[in-house]
Amino acid sequence: MSLKKLIIFEHSLLFNILSEISEVLNFDLIQADRNNLNDIKKRLAGDFLIISKDQNAIESHYSVLKNLPLKISKLIETINIEFLKKKFDLQSDLTIGPYNLNLNSRQISKKNVKLNLTEREGNLIIFLNKSTSPVSVETLQKEVWDYGSELETHTVETHIYRLRKKIKDKFNDNSFIISSKEGYIIN
């Protein structure tokens, strides 16, 4: 069973054409109209893509057919590209406690307040968030900075200090990254 759900909104001809070749498609087809669209969307809980002729007819998760007529191979390619974009967008958001980290824009936000991060800060937060126990400075040097030398350096501590300061100044949060004898962890 396919995980991708394609809702064809008020376009019976397109639904019929795609239904005839459904065995070669990598998505499930659902026909919708104004009477059942909201029920279908609730049942699928956001895991869908809608195709329509009319952009004004639907508000989100849609793709409007343009430049018609279209070869069927081009149509299927366009649909698959839209599914890839949706998957990429869904994978780019990470929830960390009360925060949302958008990997594409490198922004961390809480409610409507946003803070821009450097790529390194984002990678640091992601790495710490994946850990269930404190992470040592040496591990962070190796895994986040790709730095394997045994030389004494305070790069990790300096970056964490600056990141903590940014988060405190923007969100008034002193406990986002906690330090202990064992290392650092996201609270």
Protein backbone atom coordinates (compact mmCIF):
# COMPACT_ATOMS: atom_id res chain seq x y z
CA MET A 1 0.00 0.00 0.00
CA SER A 2 1.29 3.44 -0.92
CA LEU A 3 1.85 6.06 1.77
CA LYS A 4 1.28 8.89 -0.70
CA LYS A 5 -2.31 10.04 -1.14
CA LEU A 6 -3.27 12.12 -4.15
CA ILE A 7 -6.62 13.87 -3.94
CA ILE A 8 -8.04 14.84 -7.32
CA PHE A 9 -10.32 17.77 -6.55
CA GLU A 10 -13.29 18.36 -8.86
CA HIS A 11 -11.56 16.91 -11.91
CA SER A 12 -13.39 13.67 -12.84
CA LEU A 13 -11.66 13.25 -16.19
CA LEU A 14 -8.19 13.35 -14.66
CA PHE A 15 -9.26 10.95 -11.90
CA ASN A 16 -10.60 8.49 -14.48
CA ILE A 17 -7.45 8.66 -16.60
CA LEU A 18 -5.15 8.13 -13.61
CA SER A 19 -7.39 5.34 -12.27
CA GLU A 20 -6.87 3.41 -15.53
CA ILE A 21 -3.10 3.39 -14.98
CA SER A 22 -3.18 3.25 -11.16
CA GLU A 23 -1.23 -0.04 -11.00
CA VAL A 24 1.91 1.75 -12.24
CA LEU A 25 1.54 4.79 -10.00
CA ASN A 26 3.38 5.13 -6.69
CA PHE A 27 0.50 6.96 -4.98
CA ASP A 28 -3.11 6.25 -4.04
CA LEU A 29 -5.88 8.19 -5.79
CA ILE A 30 -8.83 9.76 -4.00
CA GLN A 31 -11.59 11.63 -5.78
CA ALA A 32 -12.99 14.67 -3.98
CA ASP A 33 -15.47 17.46 -4.48
CA ARG A 34 -16.67 20.38 -2.38
CA ASN A 35 -19.00 18.10 -0.39
CA ASN A 36 -16.41 15.59 0.83
CA LEU A 37 -13.03 17.36 0.69
CA ASN A 38 -12.98 18.44 4.34
CA ASP A 39 -13.91 14.95 5.57
CA ILE A 40 -11.15 13.40 3.44
CA LYS A 41 -8.58 15.92 4.67
CA LYS A 42 -9.50 15.21 8.32
CA ARG A 43 -9.26 11.45 7.77
CA LEU A 44 -5.83 11.73 6.13
CA ALA A 45 -4.53 14.14 8.81
CA GLY A 46 -2.37 16.25 6.49
CA ASP A 47 -0.70 13.35 4.69
CA PHE A 48 -1.86 14.15 1.16
CA LEU A 49 -1.43 16.28 -1.93
CA ILE A 50 -4.36 17.85 -3.78
CA ILE A 51 -4.47 18.45 -7.50
CA SER A 52 -6.99 20.92 -8.83
CA LYS A 53 -7.64 23.01 -11.92
CA ASP A 54 -8.52 26.00 -9.75
CA GLN A 55 -6.12 27.47 -7.18
CA ASN A 56 -8.92 29.40 -5.48
CA ALA A 57 -10.87 26.22 -4.77
CA ILE A 58 -8.51 24.86 -2.10
CA GLU A 59 -6.24 26.45 0.45
CA SER A 60 -3.28 24.15 1.23
CA HIS A 61 -1.41 21.02 0.16
CA TYR A 62 -2.37 21.66 -3.43
CA SER A 63 -0.83 21.69 -6.84
CA VAL A 64 -2.60 23.52 -9.61
CA LEU A 65 -2.46 22.04 -13.07
CA LYS A 66 -0.94 24.56 -15.44
CA ASN A 67 0.19 24.52 -19.06
CA LEU A 68 -2.51 22.11 -20.14
CA PRO A 69 -2.70 19.86 -22.10
CA LEU A 70 0.08 17.79 -20.60
CA LYS A 71 1.52 14.43 -21.55
CA ILE A 72 0.66 11.78 -18.99
CA SER A 73 4.35 11.08 -18.31
CA LYS A 74 4.94 14.77 -17.59
CA LEU A 75 1.89 14.87 -15.32
CA ILE A 76 3.11 11.88 -13.27
CA GLU A 77 6.59 13.41 -13.07
CA THR A 78 5.08 16.70 -11.84
CA ILE A 79 3.02 14.86 -9.20
CA ASN A 80 6.07 12.94 -7.97
CA ILE A 81 8.08 16.17 -7.75
CA GLU A 82 5.31 17.74 -5.65
CA PHE A 83 5.37 14.73 -3.31
CA LEU A 84 9.16 15.07 -2.97
CA LYS A 85 8.84 18.77 -2.16
CA LYS A 86 6.21 18.02 0.48
CA LYS A 87 8.38 15.29 2.01
CA PHE A 88 11.39 17.63 2.08
CA ASP A 89 9.35 20.36 3.77
CA LEU A 90 7.99 17.93 6.37
CA GLN A 91 11.47 16.60 7.14
CA SER A 92 12.88 20.08 7.51
CA ASP A 93 10.93 20.89 10.68
CA LEU A 94 12.11 19.47 13.98
CA THR A 95 10.32 20.00 17.29
CA ILE A 96 12.60 20.36 20.30
CA GLY A 97 10.61 20.94 23.45
CA PRO A 98 8.75 24.24 23.01
CA TYR A 99 10.88 25.14 19.98
CA ASN A 100 10.59 24.47 16.27
CA LEU A 101 13.83 24.17 14.30
CA ASN A 102 13.49 24.72 10.55
CA LEU A 103 16.49 23.12 8.89
CA ASN A 104 15.90 24.85 5.54
CA SER A 105 15.86 28.39 6.89
CA ARG A 106 18.17 27.58 9.84
CA GLN A 107 15.76 29.26 12.23
CA ILE A 108 14.66 28.22 15.67
CA SER A 109 11.34 29.60 16.79
CA LYS A 110 9.04 29.61 19.76
CA LYS A 111 5.52 30.83 19.16
CA ASN A 112 6.06 33.68 16.66
CA VAL A 113 9.57 34.64 17.77
CA LYS A 114 12.34 33.49 15.41
CA LEU A 115 16.11 33.33 15.80
CA ASN A 116 18.50 32.82 12.90
CA LEU A 117 21.20 30.22 13.45
CA THR A 118 24.48 29.51 11.75
CA GLU A 119 24.83 26.14 10.06
CA ARG A 120 27.12 24.97 12.87
CA GLU A 121 24.63 26.05 15.55
CA GLY A 122 21.87 24.13 13.79
CA ASN A 123 24.05 21.03 13.48
CA LEU A 124 25.00 21.31 17.15
CA ILE A 125 21.35 21.51 18.25
CA ILE A 126 20.40 18.56 16.03
CA PHE A 127 23.26 16.42 17.35
CA LEU A 128 22.52 17.26 20.99
CA ASN A 129 18.81 16.68 20.46
CA LYS A 130 19.43 13.15 19.16
CA SER A 131 21.41 12.23 22.25
CA THR A 132 19.69 10.74 25.29
CA SER A 133 22.65 11.45 27.58
CA PRO A 134 25.17 14.30 27.89
CA VAL A 135 27.65 14.56 25.01
CA SER A 136 31.30 15.23 25.75
CA VAL A 137 33.28 18.07 24.24
CA GLU A 138 35.52 15.52 22.51
CA THR A 139 32.53 13.81 20.89
CA LEU A 140 31.15 17.17 19.71
CA GLN A 141 34.56 18.12 18.28
CA LYS A 142 34.66 14.86 16.35
CA GLU A 143 31.02 14.59 15.25
CA VAL A 144 29.91 18.21 14.74
CA TRP A 145 33.21 19.93 13.94
CA ASP A 146 34.86 16.91 12.27
CA TYR A 147 37.91 17.72 14.35
CA GLY A 148 39.85 14.68 15.52
CA SER A 149 42.97 16.18 17.07
CA GLU A 150 43.78 15.75 20.75
CA LEU A 151 44.98 19.36 20.93
CA GLU A 152 43.35 21.55 23.57
CA THR A 153 40.73 23.77 22.03
CA HIS A 154 37.76 25.71 23.38
CA THR A 155 35.85 25.88 20.09
CA VAL A 156 32.93 23.79 21.36
CA GLU A 157 32.62 25.68 24.64
CA THR A 158 32.79 29.04 22.84
CA HIS A 159 30.08 28.07 20.32
CA ILE A 160 27.82 26.71 23.05
CA TYR A 161 28.34 29.84 25.15
CA ARG A 162 27.38 32.06 22.21
CA LEU A 163 24.40 29.88 21.28
CA ARG A 164 23.13 29.89 24.87
CA LYS A 165 23.48 33.68 24.96
CA LYS A 166 21.51 34.08 21.70
CA ILE A 167 18.74 31.83 23.00
CA LYS A 168 18.64 33.60 26.36
CA ASP A 169 18.52 37.04 24.72
CA LYS A 170 15.80 36.04 22.23
CA PHE A 171 13.65 33.61 24.24
CA ASN A 172 14.70 34.36 27.85
CA ASP A 173 15.61 30.67 28.23
CA ASN A 174 18.62 29.86 30.42
CA SER A 175 18.17 26.11 30.35
CA PHE A 176 17.95 25.10 26.68
CA ILE A 177 21.44 23.55 26.66
CA ILE A 178 22.48 22.07 30.01
CA SER A 179 26.08 21.32 30.92
CA SER A 180 27.34 18.71 33.36
CA LYS A 181 30.59 16.89 34.10
CA GLU A 182 29.74 14.43 31.33
CA GLY A 183 29.05 17.09 28.67
CA TYR A 184 26.14 18.96 27.12
CA ILE A 185 22.52 18.00 26.52
CA ILE A 186 19.33 19.69 25.32
CA ASN A 187 16.92 20.19 28.21
